[in-house]
Amino acid sequence: MENVFTRPIRNFLNEAGEISMFSWRFLKEGFKPPYEYGELLRQSFEIGYRSIPLVAFTAFIMGLVITIQSHPALEVFGAESWLPSIVSESLVREITPVITALICAGKVGSSIGAEIGSMKVTEQIDAMEVSGTNPFKFLVATRVLSTTLMLPLLVIFGDVVALYGGYLGVNMKGVTSMHLFWTQVFNKLTFGDVFPSVIKSVFFGFVIGIIGSYKGYTTTNGTEGVGRSANAAVVISSFVIFIVDLLAAQIADLLHLT
């Protein structure tokens, strides 16, 4: 009975320790020359540019739906004029960064885990080592750096699209000019709203890249293991994203950025 309860905890702690060591290896090796600029640009294109349609569609729907659902509650108190301000603050501070990170965890994290995992089980990583190429720098460092750099840009892009969806949502129940809407948005948003959102999205990107790479780099048991690695990369990344978001909220509160 003791093993039934202690084994999951032991496995969790072991995996957390291994991911931490993997992250430390990235910090030691990822910024040392030689640099894989070509692969970094390719991964940035794959991770950033190819994620734009999905992020844009999701952000637009989020902005539209949240605005529509918020209108009746504000209408009860006669505060419809506050709708642009309230929706913009909730989207920029919390909803868009987290949802964008979860989308990328599903799309990018699983892709990284499956791609590196496939190379691992087919011994392509071993072949790279024999040929004199550092597979960790080529495969892991480039992907982690790409996710870390691209996710904040996707979040900012998602904010703009979500706010435009909010503008259309506001105009479904009335008529508000584009100039008035954006004036109300920027009168409400402050540095303390935008800065924590961008900073935590950097950590979200790092989490997605490092966990996806770790699961792929440690894949075993052939093609079945590749599927498990891709699935685990999504689940663990999503879990850690919520943990990072909680910590970011607490830190922002302590620094009086909220």
C-alpha atoms as a PDB file:
ATOM      1  CA  MET A   1       0.000   0.000   0.000  1.00  0.00           C
ATOM      2  CA  GLU A   2       2.843   2.351   0.751  1.00  0.00           C
ATOM      3  CA  ASN A   3       4.306   1.917  -2.738  1.00  0.00           C
ATOM      4  CA  VAL A   4       0.946   2.699  -4.346  1.00  0.00           C
ATOM      5  CA  PHE A   5       0.925   6.143  -2.762  1.00  0.00           C
ATOM      6  CA  THR A   6       4.622   6.922  -2.795  1.00  0.00           C
ATOM      7  CA  ARG A   7       5.453   5.793  -6.338  1.00  0.00           C
ATOM      8  CA  PRO A   8       3.598   8.648  -8.145  1.00  0.00           C
ATOM      9  CA  ILE A   9       5.226  11.201  -5.844  1.00  0.00           C
ATOM     10  CA  ARG A  10       8.662   9.668  -6.380  1.00  0.00           C
ATOM     11  CA  ASN A  11       8.154   9.581 -10.154  1.00  0.00           C
ATOM     12  CA  PHE A  12       6.999  13.207 -10.151  1.00  0.00           C
ATOM     13  CA  LEU A  13      10.023  14.358  -8.164  1.00  0.00           C
ATOM     14  CA  ASN A  14      12.394  12.335 -10.351  1.00  0.00           C
ATOM     15  CA  GLU A  15      10.961  13.841 -13.532  1.00  0.00           C
ATOM     16  CA  ALA A  16      11.026  17.358 -12.078  1.00  0.00           C
ATOM     17  CA  GLY A  17      14.692  16.863 -11.187  1.00  0.00           C
ATOM     18  CA  GLU A  18      15.543  15.529 -14.647  1.00  0.00           C
ATOM     19  CA  ILE A  19      13.795  18.447 -16.361  1.00  0.00           C
ATOM     20  CA  SER A  20      15.692  20.845 -14.093  1.00  0.00           C
ATOM     21  CA  MET A  21      19.012  19.219 -15.040  1.00  0.00           C
ATOM     22  CA  PHE A  22      18.008  19.338 -18.710  1.00  0.00           C
ATOM     23  CA  SER A  23      17.235  23.049 -18.345  1.00  0.00           C
ATOM     24  CA  TRP A  24      20.575  23.638 -16.659  1.00  0.00           C
ATOM     25  CA  ARG A  25      22.323  21.890 -19.540  1.00  0.00           C
ATOM     26  CA  PHE A  26      20.542  24.213 -21.955  1.00  0.00           C
ATOM     27  CA  LEU A  27      21.662  27.276 -19.986  1.00  0.00           C
ATOM     28  CA  LYS A  28      25.256  26.018 -20.056  1.00  0.00           C
ATOM     29  CA  GLU A  29      25.424  24.930 -23.695  1.00  0.00           C
ATOM     30  CA  GLY A  30      22.740  26.930 -25.479  1.00  0.00           C
ATOM     31  CA  PHE A  31      24.579  30.249 -25.498  1.00  0.00           C
ATOM     32  CA  LYS A  32      28.073  28.995 -26.338  1.00  0.00           C
ATOM     33  CA  PRO A  33      29.441  29.129 -29.894  1.00  0.00           C
ATOM     34  CA  PRO A  34      29.119  27.804 -32.494  1.00  0.00           C
ATOM     35  CA  TYR A  35      25.599  29.110 -33.050  1.00  0.00           C
ATOM     36  CA  GLU A  36      23.054  27.453 -35.317  1.00  0.00           C
ATOM     37  CA  TYR A  37      21.603  30.633 -36.840  1.00  0.00           C
ATOM     38  CA  GLY A  38      20.030  28.890 -39.827  1.00  0.00           C
ATOM     39  CA  GLU A  39      18.186  26.344 -37.721  1.00  0.00           C
ATOM     40  CA  LEU A  40      17.147  29.049 -35.240  1.00  0.00           C
ATOM     41  CA  LEU A  41      15.562  31.086 -38.035  1.00  0.00           C
ATOM     42  CA  ARG A  42      13.860  28.015 -39.475  1.00  0.00           C
ATOM     43  CA  GLN A  43      12.403  27.048 -36.121  1.00  0.00           C
ATOM     44  CA  SER A  44      11.295  30.626 -35.466  1.00  0.00           C
ATOM     45  CA  PHE A  45       9.453  30.571 -38.779  1.00  0.00           C
ATOM     46  CA  GLU A  46       7.831  27.208 -38.019  1.00  0.00           C
ATOM     47  CA  ILE A  47       6.916  28.080 -34.433  1.00  0.00           C
ATOM     48  CA  GLY A  48       6.017  31.733 -34.892  1.00  0.00           C
ATOM     49  CA  TYR A  49       4.744  32.367 -38.390  1.00  0.00           C
ATOM     50  CA  ARG A  50       2.900  29.073 -38.820  1.00  0.00           C
ATOM     51  CA  SER A  51       1.110  29.563 -35.490  1.00  0.00           C
ATOM     52  CA  ILE A  52      -0.313  32.953 -36.465  1.00  0.00           C
ATOM     53  CA  PRO A  53      -3.587  31.706 -38.079  1.00  0.00           C
ATOM     54  CA  LEU A  54      -4.529  29.538 -35.088  1.00  0.00           C
ATOM     55  CA  VAL A  55      -3.597  32.242 -32.565  1.00  0.00           C
ATOM     56  CA  ALA A  56      -5.450  34.919 -34.545  1.00  0.00           C
ATOM     57  CA  PHE A  57      -8.636  32.876 -34.879  1.00  0.00           C
ATOM     58  CA  THR A  58      -8.663  31.890 -31.203  1.00  0.00           C
ATOM     59  CA  ALA A  59      -7.860  35.416 -29.969  1.00  0.00           C
ATOM     60  CA  PHE A  60     -10.572  36.947 -32.140  1.00  0.00           C
ATOM     61  CA  ILE A  61     -13.199  34.535 -30.841  1.00  0.00           C
ATOM     62  CA  MET A  62     -12.047  35.123 -27.244  1.00  0.00           C
ATOM     63  CA  GLY A  63     -12.327  38.889 -27.558  1.00  0.00           C
ATOM     64  CA  LEU A  64     -15.725  38.665 -29.238  1.00  0.00           C
ATOM     65  CA  VAL A  65     -17.249  36.149 -26.827  1.00  0.00           C
ATOM     66  CA  ILE A  66     -15.942  37.777 -23.634  1.00  0.00           C
ATOM     67  CA  THR A  67     -17.291  41.160 -24.750  1.00  0.00           C
ATOM     68  CA  ILE A  68     -20.707  39.731 -25.611  1.00  0.00           C
ATOM     69  CA  GLN A  69     -20.935  37.842 -22.308  1.00  0.00           C
ATOM     70  CA  SER A  70     -19.767  40.818 -20.236  1.00  0.00           C
ATOM     71  CA  HIS A  71     -22.311  43.243 -21.691  1.00  0.00           C
ATOM     72  CA  PRO A  72     -25.438  41.967 -19.847  1.00  0.00           C
ATOM     73  CA  ALA A  73     -23.702  42.104 -16.446  1.00  0.00           C
ATOM     74  CA  LEU A  74     -22.581  45.711 -16.985  1.00  0.00           C
ATOM     75  CA  GLU A  75     -25.930  46.688 -18.473  1.00  0.00           C
ATOM     76  CA  VAL A  76     -27.644  45.817 -15.189  1.00  0.00           C
ATOM     77  CA  PHE A  77     -25.590  48.506 -13.437  1.00  0.00           C
ATOM     78  CA  GLY A  78     -25.780  50.988 -16.298  1.00  0.00           C
ATOM     79  CA  ALA A  79     -22.035  50.683 -16.885  1.00  0.00           C
ATOM     80  CA  GLU A  80     -21.951  49.741 -20.552  1.00  0.00           C
ATOM     81  CA  SER A  81     -19.443  52.518 -21.195  1.00  0.00           C
ATOM     82  CA  TRP A  82     -16.899  50.623 -19.088  1.00  0.00           C
ATOM     83  CA  LEU A  83     -17.041  47.594 -21.381  1.00  0.00           C
ATOM     84  CA  PRO A  84     -13.974  48.419 -23.560  1.00  0.00           C
ATOM     85  CA  SER A  85     -11.845  49.174 -20.503  1.00  0.00           C
ATOM     86  CA  ILE A  86     -12.818  46.055 -18.561  1.00  0.00           C
ATOM     87  CA  VAL A  87     -12.527  43.698 -21.533  1.00  0.00           C
ATOM     88  CA  SER A  88      -9.147  45.086 -22.629  1.00  0.00           C
ATOM     89  CA  GLU A  89      -7.661  44.766 -19.153  1.00  0.00           C
ATOM     90  CA  SER A  90      -8.817  41.177 -18.680  1.00  0.00           C
ATOM     91  CA  LEU A  91      -7.628  40.157 -22.152  1.00  0.00           C
ATOM     92  CA  VAL A  92      -4.185  41.746 -21.964  1.00  0.00           C
ATOM     93  CA  ARG A  93      -3.372  40.866 -18.361  1.00  0.00           C
ATOM     94  CA  GLU A  94      -4.518  37.267 -18.206  1.00  0.00           C
ATOM     95  CA  ILE A  95      -6.702  35.654 -20.836  1.00  0.00           C
ATOM     96  CA  THR A  96      -4.725  36.142 -24.052  1.00  0.00           C
ATOM     97  CA  PRO A  97      -1.270  35.173 -22.649  1.00  0.00           C
ATOM     98  CA  VAL A  98      -2.525  32.004 -20.986  1.00  0.00           C
ATOM     99  CA  ILE A  99      -4.756  30.834 -23.842  1.00  0.00           C
ATOM    100  CA  THR A 100      -2.049  31.559 -26.420  1.00  0.00           C
ATOM    101  CA  ALA A 101       0.463  29.610 -24.327  1.00  0.00           C
ATOM    102  CA  LEU A 102      -1.923  26.649 -24.029  1.00  0.00           C
ATOM    103  CA  ILE A 103      -2.527  26.688 -27.796  1.00  0.00           C
ATOM    104  CA  CYS A 104       1.224  26.675 -28.432  1.00  0.00           C
ATOM    105  CA  ALA A 105       1.707  23.923 -25.839  1.00  0.00           C
ATOM    106  CA  GLY A 106      -0.696  21.775 -27.854  1.00  0.00           C
ATOM    107  CA  LYS A 107       0.579  22.691 -31.307  1.00  0.00           C
ATOM    108  CA  VAL A 108       4.275  23.450 -30.803  1.00  0.00           C
ATOM    109  CA  GLY A 109       5.035  21.351 -27.712  1.00  0.00           C
ATOM    110  CA  SER A 110       3.626  18.166 -29.209  1.00  0.00           C
ATOM    111  CA  SER A 111       5.388  18.850 -32.514  1.00  0.00           C
ATOM    112  CA  ILE A 112       8.769  19.302 -30.807  1.00  0.00           C
ATOM    113  CA  GLY A 113       8.285  16.180 -28.684  1.00  0.00           C
ATOM    114  CA  ALA A 114       7.259  14.068 -31.663  1.00  0.00           C
ATOM    115  CA  GLU A 115       9.962  15.384 -34.010  1.00  0.00           C
ATOM    116  CA  ILE A 116      12.888  14.959 -31.620  1.00  0.00           C
ATOM    117  CA  GLY A 117      11.422  11.695 -30.317  1.00  0.00           C
ATOM    118  CA  SER A 118      11.262  10.276 -33.843  1.00  0.00           C
ATOM    119  CA  MET A 119      14.910  11.232 -34.392  1.00  0.00           C
ATOM    120  CA  LYS A 120      15.823   9.610 -31.091  1.00  0.00           C
ATOM    121  CA  VAL A 121      14.203   6.232 -31.731  1.00  0.00           C
ATOM    122  CA  THR A 122      15.494   6.075 -35.322  1.00  0.00           C
ATOM    123  CA  GLU A 123      19.039   6.781 -34.064  1.00  0.00           C
ATOM    124  CA  GLN A 124      19.385   9.995 -36.075  1.00  0.00           C
ATOM    125  CA  ILE A 125      20.627  11.774 -32.942  1.00  0.00           C
ATOM    126  CA  ASP A 126      23.353   9.137 -32.542  1.00  0.00           C
ATOM    127  CA  ALA A 127      24.302   9.636 -36.190  1.00  0.00           C
ATOM    128  CA  MET A 128      24.626  13.403 -35.609  1.00  0.00           C
ATOM    129  CA  GLU A 129      27.004  12.768 -32.715  1.00  0.00           C
ATOM    130  CA  VAL A 130      29.124  10.451 -34.852  1.00  0.00           C
ATOM    131  CA  SER A 131      29.294  13.047 -37.636  1.00  0.00           C
ATOM    132  CA  GLY A 132      30.644  15.655 -35.214  1.00  0.00           C
ATOM    133  CA  THR A 133      27.456  17.720 -34.874  1.00  0.00           C
ATOM    134  CA  ASN A 134      26.253  18.618 -31.392  1.00  0.00           C
ATOM    135  CA  PRO A 135      22.634  17.384 -31.461  1.00  0.00           C
ATOM    136  CA  PHE A 136      21.738  19.183 -28.235  1.00  0.00           C
ATOM    137  CA  LYS A 137      22.673  22.584 -29.634  1.00  0.00           C
ATOM    138  CA  PHE A 138      21.174  21.879 -33.059  1.00  0.00           C
ATOM    139  CA  LEU A 139      17.899  20.304 -31.914  1.00  0.00           C
ATOM    140  CA  VAL A 140      17.219  21.499 -28.378  1.00  0.00           C
ATOM    141  CA  ALA A 141      18.845  24.935 -28.039  1.00  0.00           C
ATOM    142  CA  THR A 142      17.384  26.271 -31.280  1.00  0.00           C
ATOM    143  CA  ARG A 143      13.854  25.129 -30.443  1.00  0.00           C
ATOM    144  CA  VAL A 144      13.915  26.428 -26.879  1.00  0.00           C
ATOM    145  CA  LEU A 145      15.257  29.802 -27.993  1.00  0.00           C
ATOM    146  CA  SER A 146      12.653  29.977 -30.764  1.00  0.00           C
ATOM    147  CA  THR A 147       9.711  29.289 -28.450  1.00  0.00           C
ATOM    148  CA  THR A 148      11.082  31.745 -25.885  1.00  0.00           C
ATOM    149  CA  LEU A 149      11.399  34.496 -28.490  1.00  0.00           C
ATOM    150  CA  MET A 150       8.271  33.811 -30.534  1.00  0.00           C
ATOM    151  CA  LEU A 151       5.648  33.333 -27.822  1.00  0.00           C
ATOM    152  CA  PRO A 152       5.786  36.959 -26.554  1.00  0.00           C
ATOM    153  CA  LEU A 153       5.348  38.159 -30.147  1.00  0.00           C
ATOM    154  CA  LEU A 154       2.384  35.820 -30.612  1.00  0.00           C
ATOM    155  CA  VAL A 155       0.859  37.080 -27.358  1.00  0.00           C
ATOM    156  CA  ILE A 156       1.180  40.723 -28.453  1.00  0.00           C
ATOM    157  CA  PHE A 157      -0.335  39.843 -31.819  1.00  0.00           C
ATOM    158  CA  GLY A 158      -3.108  37.932 -30.051  1.00  0.00           C
ATOM    159  CA  ASP A 159      -3.816  40.948 -27.828  1.00  0.00           C
ATOM    160  CA  VAL A 160      -4.377  43.171 -30.864  1.00  0.00           C
ATOM    161  CA  VAL A 161      -6.651  40.652 -32.589  1.00  0.00           C
ATOM    162  CA  ALA A 162      -8.589  39.949 -29.380  1.00  0.00           C
ATOM    163  CA  LEU A 163      -9.167  43.665 -28.817  1.00  0.00           C
ATOM    164  CA  TYR A 164     -10.443  44.009 -32.370  1.00  0.00           C
ATOM    165  CA  GLY A 165     -12.836  41.143 -31.640  1.00  0.00           C
ATOM    166  CA  GLY A 166     -13.876  43.074 -28.538  1.00  0.00           C
ATOM    167  CA  TYR A 167     -14.545  46.139 -30.693  1.00  0.00           C
ATOM    168  CA  LEU A 168     -16.908  44.142 -32.898  1.00  0.00           C
ATOM    169  CA  GLY A 169     -18.566  42.687 -29.791  1.00  0.00           C
ATOM    170  CA  VAL A 170     -19.179  46.172 -28.383  1.00  0.00           C
ATOM    171  CA  ASN A 171     -20.806  47.237 -31.638  1.00  0.00           C
ATOM    172  CA  MET A 172     -23.205  44.295 -31.612  1.00  0.00           C
ATOM    173  CA  LYS A 173     -25.168  45.982 -28.803  1.00  0.00           C
ATOM    174  CA  GLY A 174     -24.632  49.593 -29.808  1.00  0.00           C
ATOM    175  CA  VAL A 175     -22.539  51.914 -31.919  1.00  0.00           C
ATOM    176  CA  THR A 176     -19.018  52.828 -30.780  1.00  0.00           C
ATOM    177  CA  SER A 177     -16.503  54.418 -33.096  1.00  0.00           C
ATOM    178  CA  MET A 178     -13.089  52.841 -33.565  1.00  0.00           C
ATOM    179  CA  HIS A 179     -11.418  55.988 -32.222  1.00  0.00           C
ATOM    180  CA  LEU A 180     -13.526  56.048 -29.041  1.00  0.00           C
ATOM    181  CA  PHE A 181     -13.014  52.330 -28.425  1.00  0.00           C
ATOM    182  CA  TRP A 182      -9.225  52.478 -28.672  1.00  0.00           C
ATOM    183  CA  THR A 183      -9.136  55.685 -26.626  1.00  0.00           C
ATOM    184  CA  GLN A 184     -10.979  53.926 -23.793  1.00  0.00           C
ATOM    185  CA  VAL A 185      -8.697  50.902 -24.119  1.00  0.00           C
ATOM    186  CA  PHE A 186      -5.446  52.854 -23.891  1.00  0.00           C
ATOM    187  CA  ASN A 187      -6.756  55.129 -21.149  1.00  0.00           C
ATOM    188  CA  LYS A 188      -7.246  52.046 -18.991  1.00  0.00           C
ATOM    189  CA  LEU A 189      -4.201  49.946 -19.861  1.00  0.00           C
ATOM    190  CA  THR A 190      -1.018  50.788 -17.964  1.00  0.00           C
ATOM    191  CA  PHE A 191       2.574  49.613 -17.889  1.00  0.00           C
ATOM    192  CA  GLY A 192       1.635  47.345 -14.989  1.00  0.00           C
ATOM    193  CA  ASP A 193      -0.856  45.564 -17.236  1.00  0.00           C
ATOM    194  CA  VAL A 194       1.321  45.030 -20.297  1.00  0.00           C
ATOM    195  CA  PHE A 195       4.782  44.403 -18.842  1.00  0.00           C
ATOM    196  CA  PRO A 196       3.939  41.387 -16.610  1.00  0.00           C
ATOM    197  CA  SER A 197       1.966  39.874 -19.488  1.00  0.00           C
ATOM    198  CA  VAL A 198       4.954  40.022 -21.849  1.00  0.00           C
ATOM    199  CA  ILE A 199       7.460  38.834 -19.245  1.00  0.00           C
ATOM    200  CA  LYS A 200       5.449  35.796 -18.206  1.00  0.00           C
ATOM    201  CA  SER A 201       4.903  34.874 -21.861  1.00  0.00           C
ATOM    202  CA  VAL A 202       8.706  34.622 -22.171  1.00  0.00           C
ATOM    203  CA  PHE A 203       8.675  32.001 -19.418  1.00  0.00           C
ATOM    204  CA  PHE A 204       5.683  30.273 -21.013  1.00  0.00           C
ATOM    205  CA  GLY A 205       7.682  29.942 -24.231  1.00  0.00           C
ATOM    206  CA  PHE A 206      10.706  28.594 -22.378  1.00  0.00           C
ATOM    207  CA  VAL A 207       8.551  26.023 -20.585  1.00  0.00           C
ATOM    208  CA  ILE A 208       6.980  24.800 -23.833  1.00  0.00           C
ATOM    209  CA  GLY A 209      10.330  24.500 -25.586  1.00  0.00           C
ATOM    210  CA  ILE A 210      12.289  22.870 -22.775  1.00  0.00           C
ATOM    211  CA  ILE A 211       9.623  20.322 -21.826  1.00  0.00           C
ATOM    212  CA  GLY A 212       8.857  19.385 -25.433  1.00  0.00           C
ATOM    213  CA  SER A 213      12.570  18.976 -26.136  1.00  0.00           C
ATOM    214  CA  TYR A 214      13.160  16.996 -22.942  1.00  0.00           C
ATOM    215  CA  LYS A 215      10.347  14.541 -23.635  1.00  0.00           C
ATOM    216  CA  GLY A 216      11.537  14.075 -27.201  1.00  0.00           C
ATOM    217  CA  TYR A 217      15.212  13.759 -26.262  1.00  0.00           C
ATOM    218  CA  THR A 218      14.462  11.042 -23.687  1.00  0.00           C
ATOM    219  CA  THR A 219      12.029   9.025 -25.829  1.00  0.00           C
ATOM    220  CA  THR A 220      12.281   5.229 -25.636  1.00  0.00           C
ATOM    221  CA  ASN A 221      10.270   2.202 -26.836  1.00  0.00           C
ATOM    222  CA  GLY A 222      10.080   3.045 -30.519  1.00  0.00           C
ATOM    223  CA  THR A 223       7.115   4.680 -32.228  1.00  0.00           C
ATOM    224  CA  GLU A 224       4.839   4.008 -29.278  1.00  0.00           C
ATOM    225  CA  GLY A 225       7.184   6.047 -27.129  1.00  0.00           C
ATOM    226  CA  VAL A 226       7.043   8.920 -29.640  1.00  0.00           C
ATOM    227  CA  GLY A 227       3.294   9.198 -29.153  1.00  0.00           C
ATOM    228  CA  ARG A 228       3.659   9.136 -25.384  1.00  0.00           C
ATOM    229  CA  SER A 229       6.354  11.799 -25.514  1.00  0.00           C
ATOM    230  CA  ALA A 230       4.203  14.126 -27.623  1.00  0.00           C
ATOM    231  CA  ASN A 231       1.235  13.660 -25.307  1.00  0.00           C
ATOM    232  CA  ALA A 232       3.330  14.122 -22.160  1.00  0.00           C
ATOM    233  CA  ALA A 233       4.889  17.289 -23.569  1.00  0.00           C
ATOM    234  CA  VAL A 234       1.439  18.870 -23.914  1.00  0.00           C
ATOM    235  CA  VAL A 235       0.152  17.752 -20.506  1.00  0.00           C
ATOM    236  CA  ILE A 236       3.238  18.733 -18.515  1.00  0.00           C
ATOM    237  CA  SER A 237       3.691  22.040 -20.367  1.00  0.00           C
ATOM    238  CA  SER A 238       0.063  23.013 -19.728  1.00  0.00           C
ATOM    239  CA  PHE A 239       0.398  22.153 -16.037  1.00  0.00           C
ATOM    240  CA  VAL A 240       3.609  24.162 -15.637  1.00  0.00           C
ATOM    241  CA  ILE A 241       2.102  27.123 -17.539  1.00  0.00           C
ATOM    242  CA  PHE A 242      -0.602  27.417 -14.879  1.00  0.00           C
ATOM    243  CA  ILE A 243       2.026  27.195 -12.123  1.00  0.00           C
ATOM    244  CA  VAL A 244       4.129  29.922 -13.764  1.00  0.00           C
ATOM    245  CA  ASP A 245       1.022  32.069 -14.228  1.00  0.00           C
ATOM    246  CA  LEU A 246       0.185  31.733 -10.523  1.00  0.00           C
ATOM    247  CA  LEU A 247       3.728  32.672  -9.511  1.00  0.00           C
ATOM    248  CA  ALA A 248       3.738  35.606 -11.928  1.00  0.00           C
ATOM    249  CA  ALA A 249       0.491  36.928 -10.429  1.00  0.00           C
ATOM    250  CA  GLN A 250       1.919  36.703  -6.912  1.00  0.00           C
ATOM    251  CA  ILE A 251       5.173  38.412  -7.887  1.00  0.00           C
ATOM    252  CA  ALA A 252       3.337  41.189  -9.747  1.00  0.00           C
ATOM    253  CA  ASP A 253       1.163  41.732  -6.688  1.00  0.00           C
ATOM    254  CA  LEU A 254       4.203  41.965  -4.402  1.00  0.00           C
ATOM    255  CA  LEU A 255       5.830  44.470  -6.751  1.00  0.00           C
ATOM    256  CA  HIS A 256       2.548  46.438  -6.959  1.00  0.00           C
ATOM    257  CA  LEU A 257       2.323  45.938 -10.725  1.00  0.00           C
ATOM    258  CA  THR A 258      -1.318  44.920 -10.549  1.00  0.00           C
END
